Amino acid sequence: MFNDFKVTSSRGDYMVSYARWDDALPGHLNTGDVVIMDQVIPELYPKLMAATEGAEVLLIKANEESKTYEAIGRILEELVSVGFSKTNKIVAIGGGITQDVTSFAASVLLRGVDWTFFPTNLASQCDSCIGSKTSVNLGVYKNQLGGFYPPKEIVIDFNFCQTLSPIDICAGLGEMMHYFLVDGPESLDKLSGEVQRAKTDEHALALLISKSLLIKKEMVERDEFDRGPRRVFNYGHTFGHALEAVTNFAVPHGIAVAYGIDLANILSTKLDLIDRSLRNEVRPILEKVWLDCRIPDFEIEDYFSALMKDKKNEGGRLHAILTRGLGDMFQTPVDLDEQIKGSITDFFKYKVYERNL
């Protein structure tokens, strides 16, 4: 049903394979290789831990503190101390944070070593596993360091999704939304039905994962280093990242992105880029994502401050992705004038995301 595919990269093409971990993992571990693993994996999958016997295993906490420059420095020290060599590889087993830690470490250790990724949560399976970005936090500033360093192979086992909570599923679906809307869905009604089914239907979820990756693959191969067209995939992210920051990550990334998409659509209506009816058609689909995760209270000035720290900003101006319609997103400078600040304040203070315009 799901066909393996290759992603073309100037740093070396890499394969995305659909397989069970217990079939694939033994063939990826050789003497001297090191596994970097989310520390919850041994508890959830004790047989997986047993399958790594003979390899050095480094367990990490999947939190933002683990992907700081300082924390990764300690991991690099451990890799060197166990005798890791240029001929060895790192196998990452976990979600996006495990991926960020491993990819960055692999990119700088011994001027670059091979790594393989087994993504275990929905957001990493449907999105971050391809594209080759490495992202590391610098102090309190999210994803300020990094580069592009793809794995040699990605192995996706849909069965990992069986242990995810409803919030985790929603977070992954929220991450997928920006791909589907940028791609321009044939029918919003069809997309709404697919999202609802995917919450409880494993096969429906797998279909959306596969669809999301193929949309991203096409764009990544056009703009590998995120210098032009690929930037539209930041749709919802500028506003979502700021929401994560001011809530101390109480709102998961994918859900924050879904809120961010709705806010981007509202600002697009305020700037007469789209009719409010389109925003109102998209909102109920996004609401299926964020319904189980409400936004805690925060100071709106802190939100504006977080927006202005976004790494995509240029010349002291906010650079956000807005939309002229489905499949027509674009990057544009946005001045945080009184009108825009007022719309953002209303969005959160008066919960505009809960109703139509």
Protein backbone atom coordinates (compact mmCIF):
# COMPACT_ATOMS: atom_id res chain seq x y z
CA MET A 1 0.00 0.00 0.00
CA PHE A 2 2.77 2.48 0.96
CA ASN A 3 5.70 2.74 -1.40
CA ASP A 4 9.22 3.58 -0.22
CA PHE A 5 10.65 6.69 -1.87
CA LYS A 6 13.92 8.56 -2.28
CA VAL A 7 14.52 12.20 -1.43
CA THR A 8 17.10 13.83 -3.69
CA SER A 9 19.63 15.95 -1.79
CA SER A 10 22.92 17.64 -2.64
CA ARG A 11 24.19 16.28 0.67
CA GLY A 12 23.39 12.73 -0.45
CA ASP A 13 20.09 11.16 -1.45
CA TYR A 14 18.24 9.34 1.30
CA MET A 15 15.48 6.75 1.46
CA VAL A 16 12.19 6.83 3.31
CA SER A 17 11.12 3.26 4.01
CA TYR A 18 7.87 1.97 5.49
CA ALA A 19 8.63 -1.04 7.68
CA ARG A 20 8.19 -2.50 11.13
CA TRP A 21 11.01 -1.51 13.47
CA ASP A 22 11.60 -5.12 14.55
CA ASP A 23 12.27 -6.06 10.91
CA ALA A 24 14.43 -3.05 10.10
CA LEU A 25 16.41 -2.19 13.24
CA PRO A 26 18.71 -5.26 13.38
CA GLY A 27 20.04 -4.46 9.91
CA HIS A 28 20.95 -0.91 10.93
CA LEU A 29 23.14 -1.66 13.95
CA ASN A 30 26.79 -2.63 13.64
CA THR A 31 29.60 -2.88 16.17
CA GLY A 32 30.56 0.57 17.42
CA ASP A 33 27.32 2.26 16.38
CA VAL A 34 25.52 4.41 18.96
CA VAL A 35 21.78 4.73 19.54
CA ILE A 36 20.36 8.04 20.75
CA MET A 37 16.91 7.26 22.11
CA ASP A 38 14.03 9.07 23.80
CA GLN A 39 14.04 7.81 27.37
CA VAL A 40 10.35 6.82 27.24
CA ILE A 41 10.98 4.25 24.49
CA PRO A 42 12.33 1.43 26.72
CA GLU A 43 9.20 1.59 28.87
CA LEU A 44 6.83 1.66 25.92
CA TYR A 45 8.76 -0.84 23.78
CA PRO A 46 10.91 -3.12 25.96
CA LYS A 47 11.52 -5.47 23.01
CA LEU A 48 12.99 -2.57 21.05
CA MET A 49 15.45 -1.87 23.82
CA ALA A 50 16.45 -5.54 23.81
CA ALA A 51 17.08 -5.32 20.06
CA THR A 52 19.80 -2.71 20.68
CA GLU A 53 21.85 -5.10 22.81
CA GLY A 54 25.53 -4.73 22.01
CA ALA A 55 25.21 -1.10 20.95
CA GLU A 56 25.93 1.93 23.11
CA VAL A 57 22.59 3.55 23.99
CA LEU A 58 22.28 7.17 25.11
CA LEU A 59 18.87 8.00 26.60
CA ILE A 60 17.69 11.61 26.46
CA LYS A 61 14.70 13.53 27.75
CA ALA A 62 12.50 14.75 24.91
CA ASN A 63 12.30 18.35 26.08
CA GLU A 64 13.56 21.72 24.88
CA GLU A 65 16.43 21.70 27.40
CA SER A 66 17.85 18.58 25.72
CA LYS A 67 18.25 20.35 22.38
CA THR A 68 20.28 23.25 23.69
CA TYR A 69 23.81 23.77 22.45
CA GLU A 70 25.15 22.98 25.93
CA ALA A 71 23.22 19.71 26.32
CA ILE A 72 24.28 18.48 22.89
CA GLY A 73 27.87 19.31 23.79
CA ARG A 74 27.63 16.78 26.62
CA ILE A 75 26.29 14.16 24.21
CA LEU A 76 29.19 14.80 21.86
CA GLU A 77 31.59 14.26 24.75
CA GLU A 78 29.93 10.92 25.48
CA LEU A 79 30.20 9.85 21.83
CA VAL A 80 33.90 10.64 21.79
CA SER A 81 34.46 8.93 25.14
CA VAL A 82 33.02 5.59 23.91
CA GLY A 83 35.36 5.58 20.94
CA PHE A 84 32.89 6.54 18.21
CA SER A 85 34.73 6.68 14.87
CA LYS A 86 34.10 8.04 11.38
CA THR A 87 33.09 4.55 10.20
CA ASN A 88 30.33 4.27 12.81
CA LYS A 89 26.85 5.75 12.61
CA ILE A 90 24.26 7.11 15.01
CA VAL A 91 20.77 5.61 15.06
CA ALA A 92 18.10 7.99 16.37
CA ILE A 93 14.91 6.52 17.85
CA GLY A 94 12.36 9.05 19.02
CA GLY A 95 10.51 12.17 17.93
CA GLY A 96 11.53 15.58 16.69
CA ILE A 97 13.73 16.51 19.63
CA THR A 98 15.66 13.24 19.36
CA GLN A 99 16.01 14.01 15.64
CA ASP A 100 17.29 17.54 16.28
CA VAL A 101 19.81 16.36 18.86
CA THR A 102 21.08 13.54 16.66
CA SER A 103 21.20 15.40 13.36
CA PHE A 104 23.09 18.34 14.84
CA ALA A 105 25.51 16.08 16.68
CA ALA A 106 26.08 13.97 13.56
CA SER A 107 26.68 17.07 11.43
CA VAL A 108 29.52 18.41 13.58
CA LEU A 109 31.14 15.25 15.00
CA LEU A 110 34.30 14.34 13.09
CA ARG A 111 33.17 16.80 10.38
CA GLY A 112 30.06 14.74 9.76
CA VAL A 113 29.05 11.12 10.41
CA ASP A 114 26.20 8.98 9.10
CA TRP A 115 22.93 8.66 10.96
CA THR A 116 19.62 6.81 10.55
CA PHE A 117 16.25 7.86 11.93
CA PHE A 118 13.34 5.82 13.32
CA PRO A 119 10.68 8.51 14.02
CA THR A 120 8.32 7.43 16.79
CA ASN A 121 5.75 10.21 17.02
CA LEU A 122 3.31 11.62 14.52
CA ALA A 123 4.91 15.05 14.04
CA SER A 124 8.27 13.51 13.16
CA GLN A 125 6.75 10.86 10.89
CA CYS A 126 4.56 13.26 8.90
CA ASP A 127 6.89 16.24 8.74
CA SER A 128 10.30 16.74 10.32
CA CYS A 129 11.88 13.41 9.30
CA ILE A 130 12.51 14.71 5.77
CA GLY A 131 13.92 18.07 4.77
CA SER A 132 17.32 17.66 6.46
CA LYS A 133 17.06 20.68 8.79
CA THR A 134 18.97 20.58 12.07
CA SER A 135 17.62 22.93 14.73
CA VAL A 136 19.11 23.65 18.14
CA ASN A 137 18.08 26.14 20.82
CA LEU A 138 20.43 28.85 22.02
CA GLY A 139 19.51 29.61 25.62
CA VAL A 140 15.83 30.59 25.65
CA TYR A 141 15.79 31.25 21.90
CA LYS A 142 14.23 28.39 19.95
CA ASN A 143 15.93 26.87 16.88
CA GLN A 144 18.54 29.62 16.46
CA LEU A 145 21.37 27.25 15.52
CA GLY A 146 21.50 24.57 12.86
CA GLY A 147 22.01 23.67 9.25
CA PHE A 148 21.07 20.95 6.77
CA TYR A 149 22.26 17.40 7.33
CA PRO A 150 20.00 14.55 6.17
CA PRO A 151 20.10 10.98 7.49
CA LYS A 152 21.10 8.08 5.28
CA GLU A 153 17.71 6.47 5.78
CA ILE A 154 14.40 7.05 7.54
CA VAL A 155 12.32 4.06 8.64
CA ILE A 156 8.67 4.78 9.38
CA ASP A 157 6.67 2.28 11.42
CA PHE A 158 3.05 3.43 11.72
CA ASN A 159 2.61 1.13 14.73
CA PHE A 160 4.43 3.64 16.91
CA CYS A 161 1.34 5.85 16.67
CA GLN A 162 -0.65 3.29 18.68
CA THR A 163 0.95 4.50 21.91
CA LEU A 164 0.34 8.20 21.27
CA SER A 165 -2.15 10.19 23.34
CA PRO A 166 -5.08 12.04 21.71
CA ILE A 167 -3.16 15.31 22.23
CA ASP A 168 -0.12 13.83 20.45
CA ILE A 169 -2.33 12.77 17.54
CA CYS A 170 -3.86 16.25 17.33
CA ALA A 171 -0.41 17.84 17.43
CA GLY A 172 0.67 15.74 14.45
CA LEU A 173 -2.51 16.53 12.55
CA GLY A 174 -1.93 20.23 13.25
CA GLU A 175 1.53 19.98 11.73
CA MET A 176 0.09 18.33 8.61
CA MET A 177 -2.50 21.06 8.09
CA HIS A 178 -0.03 23.57 6.69
CA TYR A 179 1.07 21.07 4.02
CA PHE A 180 -2.45 20.29 2.90
CA LEU A 181 -3.56 23.94 2.80
CA VAL A 182 -0.38 25.09 1.02
CA ASP A 183 -0.89 22.27 -1.47
CA GLY A 184 -4.46 23.48 -2.04
CA PRO A 185 -6.90 20.70 -1.07
CA GLU A 186 -9.42 19.69 -3.69
CA SER A 187 -12.15 19.91 -1.09
CA LEU A 188 -12.19 21.37 2.41
CA ASP A 189 -15.10 19.06 3.26
CA LYS A 190 -13.01 16.04 2.25
CA LEU A 191 -10.04 17.26 4.28
CA SER A 192 -12.27 17.83 7.30
CA GLY A 193 -13.55 14.25 7.07
CA GLU A 194 -10.02 12.85 6.71
CA VAL A 195 -8.82 14.74 9.77
CA GLN A 196 -11.72 13.54 11.88
CA ARG A 197 -11.28 9.89 10.82
CA ALA A 198 -7.53 10.01 11.41
CA LYS A 199 -8.09 10.71 15.11
CA THR A 200 -9.31 7.15 15.65
CA ASP A 201 -8.59 5.22 12.43
CA GLU A 202 -4.98 4.01 12.10
CA HIS A 203 -5.21 3.44 8.36
CA ALA A 204 -6.70 6.90 7.74
CA LEU A 205 -3.87 8.38 9.80
CA ALA A 206 -1.24 6.45 7.82
CA LEU A 207 -2.70 7.75 4.56
CA LEU A 208 -2.40 11.34 5.78
CA ILE A 209 1.20 10.76 6.91
CA SER A 210 2.14 9.43 3.49
CA LYS A 211 0.32 12.26 1.71
CA SER A 212 1.99 14.88 3.89
CA LEU A 213 5.48 13.52 3.21
CA LEU A 214 4.99 13.42 -0.55
CA ILE A 215 3.85 17.06 -0.55
CA LYS A 216 6.91 18.05 1.44
CA LYS A 217 9.29 15.90 -0.65
CA GLU A 218 8.36 17.76 -3.83
CA MET A 219 9.02 21.16 -2.25
CA VAL A 220 12.23 20.07 -0.48
CA GLU A 221 13.68 18.88 -3.77
CA ARG A 222 12.84 22.23 -5.38
CA ASP A 223 14.31 24.32 -2.55
CA GLU A 224 16.53 22.16 -0.36
CA PHE A 225 18.07 25.00 1.64
CA ASP A 226 14.86 26.93 2.31
CA ARG A 227 15.86 30.01 0.34
CA GLY A 228 12.67 30.59 -1.63
CA PRO A 229 9.53 28.56 -2.39
CA ARG A 230 9.91 26.23 0.62
CA ARG A 231 9.43 29.17 2.96
CA VAL A 232 5.67 28.92 2.46
CA PHE A 233 5.83 25.89 4.76
CA ASN A 234 6.33 28.37 7.60
CA TYR A 235 2.60 29.05 7.23
CA GLY A 236 1.26 29.21 10.79
CA HIS A 237 4.71 28.73 12.30
CA THR A 238 5.69 32.34 13.03
CA PHE A 239 2.56 32.82 15.12
CA GLY A 240 2.68 29.26 16.47
CA HIS A 241 6.28 29.46 17.68
CA ALA A 242 5.49 32.64 19.62
CA LEU A 243 2.49 30.90 21.22
CA GLU A 244 4.70 28.01 22.30
CA ALA A 245 7.19 30.44 23.83
CA VAL A 246 4.73 32.51 25.88
CA THR A 247 2.94 29.41 27.22
CA ASN A 248 6.25 27.71 28.10
CA PHE A 249 5.37 25.00 25.57
CA ALA A 250 2.08 24.14 27.30
CA VAL A 251 0.59 24.27 23.80
CA PRO A 252 2.26 21.49 21.74
CA HIS A 253 3.99 22.56 18.55
CA GLY A 254 1.52 21.17 16.01
CA ILE A 255 -1.48 22.54 17.89
CA ALA A 256 0.24 25.93 18.19
CA VAL A 257 0.77 25.83 14.40
CA ALA A 258 -2.94 25.18 13.88
CA TYR A 259 -3.78 28.23 15.99
CA GLY A 260 -1.09 30.10 14.04
CA ILE A 261 -2.69 29.18 10.72
CA ASP A 262 -6.02 30.57 11.88
CA LEU A 263 -4.35 33.79 13.04
CA ALA A 264 -2.49 34.08 9.71
CA ASN A 265 -5.82 33.67 7.90
CA ILE A 266 -7.47 36.34 10.05
CA LEU A 267 -4.66 38.79 9.36
CA SER A 268 -4.98 37.94 5.66
CA THR A 269 -8.63 38.99 5.82
CA LYS A 270 -7.74 42.19 7.67
CA LEU A 271 -5.29 43.05 4.87
CA ASP A 272 -7.94 42.22 2.21
CA LEU A 273 -5.95 39.28 0.85
CA ILE A 274 -8.78 36.76 1.24
CA ASP A 275 -12.48 36.95 1.93
CA ARG A 276 -13.52 36.18 5.49
CA SER A 277 -15.66 33.31 4.18
CA LEU A 278 -12.52 31.31 3.35
CA ARG A 279 -11.12 31.80 6.82
CA ASN A 280 -14.46 30.67 8.24
CA GLU A 281 -14.40 27.52 6.07
CA VAL A 282 -10.91 26.55 7.21
CA ARG A 283 -11.40 27.31 10.92
CA PRO A 284 -13.64 24.28 11.76
CA ILE A 285 -10.96 21.92 10.37
CA LEU A 286 -8.32 23.54 12.56
CA GLU A 287 -10.71 23.40 15.50
CA LYS A 288 -10.73 19.61 15.22
CA VAL A 289 -7.01 19.82 15.97
CA TRP A 290 -6.96 22.25 18.89
CA LEU A 291 -10.28 21.28 20.53
CA ASP A 292 -8.55 19.27 23.27
CA CYS A 293 -5.84 21.86 24.01
CA ARG A 294 -6.89 25.31 25.13
CA ILE A 295 -4.60 28.31 25.35
CA PRO A 296 -3.56 29.30 28.89
CA ASP A 297 -3.47 32.96 29.90
CA PHE A 298 -0.41 35.01 29.03
CA GLU A 299 0.66 38.63 28.65
CA ILE A 300 0.04 39.86 25.11
CA GLU A 301 3.15 42.08 25.19
CA ASP A 302 5.19 38.94 25.81
CA TYR A 303 3.63 37.46 22.68
CA PHE A 304 4.60 40.48 20.59
CA SER A 305 8.12 40.27 21.98
CA ALA A 306 8.33 36.58 21.06
CA LEU A 307 7.11 37.35 17.54
CA MET A 308 9.91 39.84 17.00
CA LYS A 309 12.51 37.23 18.03
CA ASP A 310 11.49 34.90 15.20
CA LYS A 311 14.59 33.86 13.25
CA LYS A 312 12.89 34.57 9.89
CA ASN A 313 12.56 38.28 10.66
CA GLU A 314 14.66 40.69 8.63
CA GLY A 315 15.54 44.31 9.17
CA GLY A 316 13.64 44.48 12.43
CA ARG A 317 10.37 43.58 10.66
CA LEU A 318 8.14 40.58 11.21
CA HIS A 319 8.25 38.24 8.22
CA ALA A 320 5.20 35.99 8.16
CA ILE A 321 3.45 33.71 5.71
CA LEU A 322 0.03 35.02 4.75
CA THR A 323 -2.38 33.75 2.11
CA ARG A 324 -4.27 34.90 -0.95
CA GLY A 325 -6.24 31.62 -0.94
CA LEU A 326 -5.78 27.86 -0.78
CA GLY A 327 -2.48 26.93 -2.38
CA ASP A 328 -1.41 30.59 -2.62
CA MET A 329 0.69 31.35 0.46
CA PHE A 330 3.54 33.87 0.39
CA GLN A 331 6.08 35.47 2.70
CA THR A 332 5.66 39.16 3.40
CA PRO A 333 6.90 41.75 5.93
CA VAL A 334 4.21 42.63 8.46
CA ASP A 335 4.44 45.78 10.57
CA LEU A 336 3.14 45.33 14.10
CA ASP A 337 1.08 48.50 13.87
CA GLU A 338 -1.98 49.23 15.99
CA GLN A 339 -4.34 47.47 13.55
CA ILE A 340 -2.32 44.24 13.45
CA LYS A 341 -1.65 44.31 17.19
CA GLY A 342 -5.35 44.88 17.81
CA SER A 343 -6.32 41.88 15.67
CA ILE A 344 -3.80 39.64 17.42
CA THR A 345 -4.93 40.86 20.85
CA ASP A 346 -8.59 40.17 19.99
CA PHE A 347 -7.67 36.72 18.66
CA PHE A 348 -6.35 35.66 22.06
CA LYS A 349 -8.20 37.90 24.54
CA TYR A 350 -11.66 37.46 23.05
CA LYS A 351 -10.99 33.96 21.68
CA VAL A 352 -11.80 34.89 18.09
CA TYR A 353 -10.55 31.40 17.10
CA GLU A 354 -13.75 29.99 18.63
CA ARG A 355 -16.10 31.75 16.23
CA ASN A 356 -16.54 32.94 12.66
CA LEU A 357 -15.73 36.48 11.60
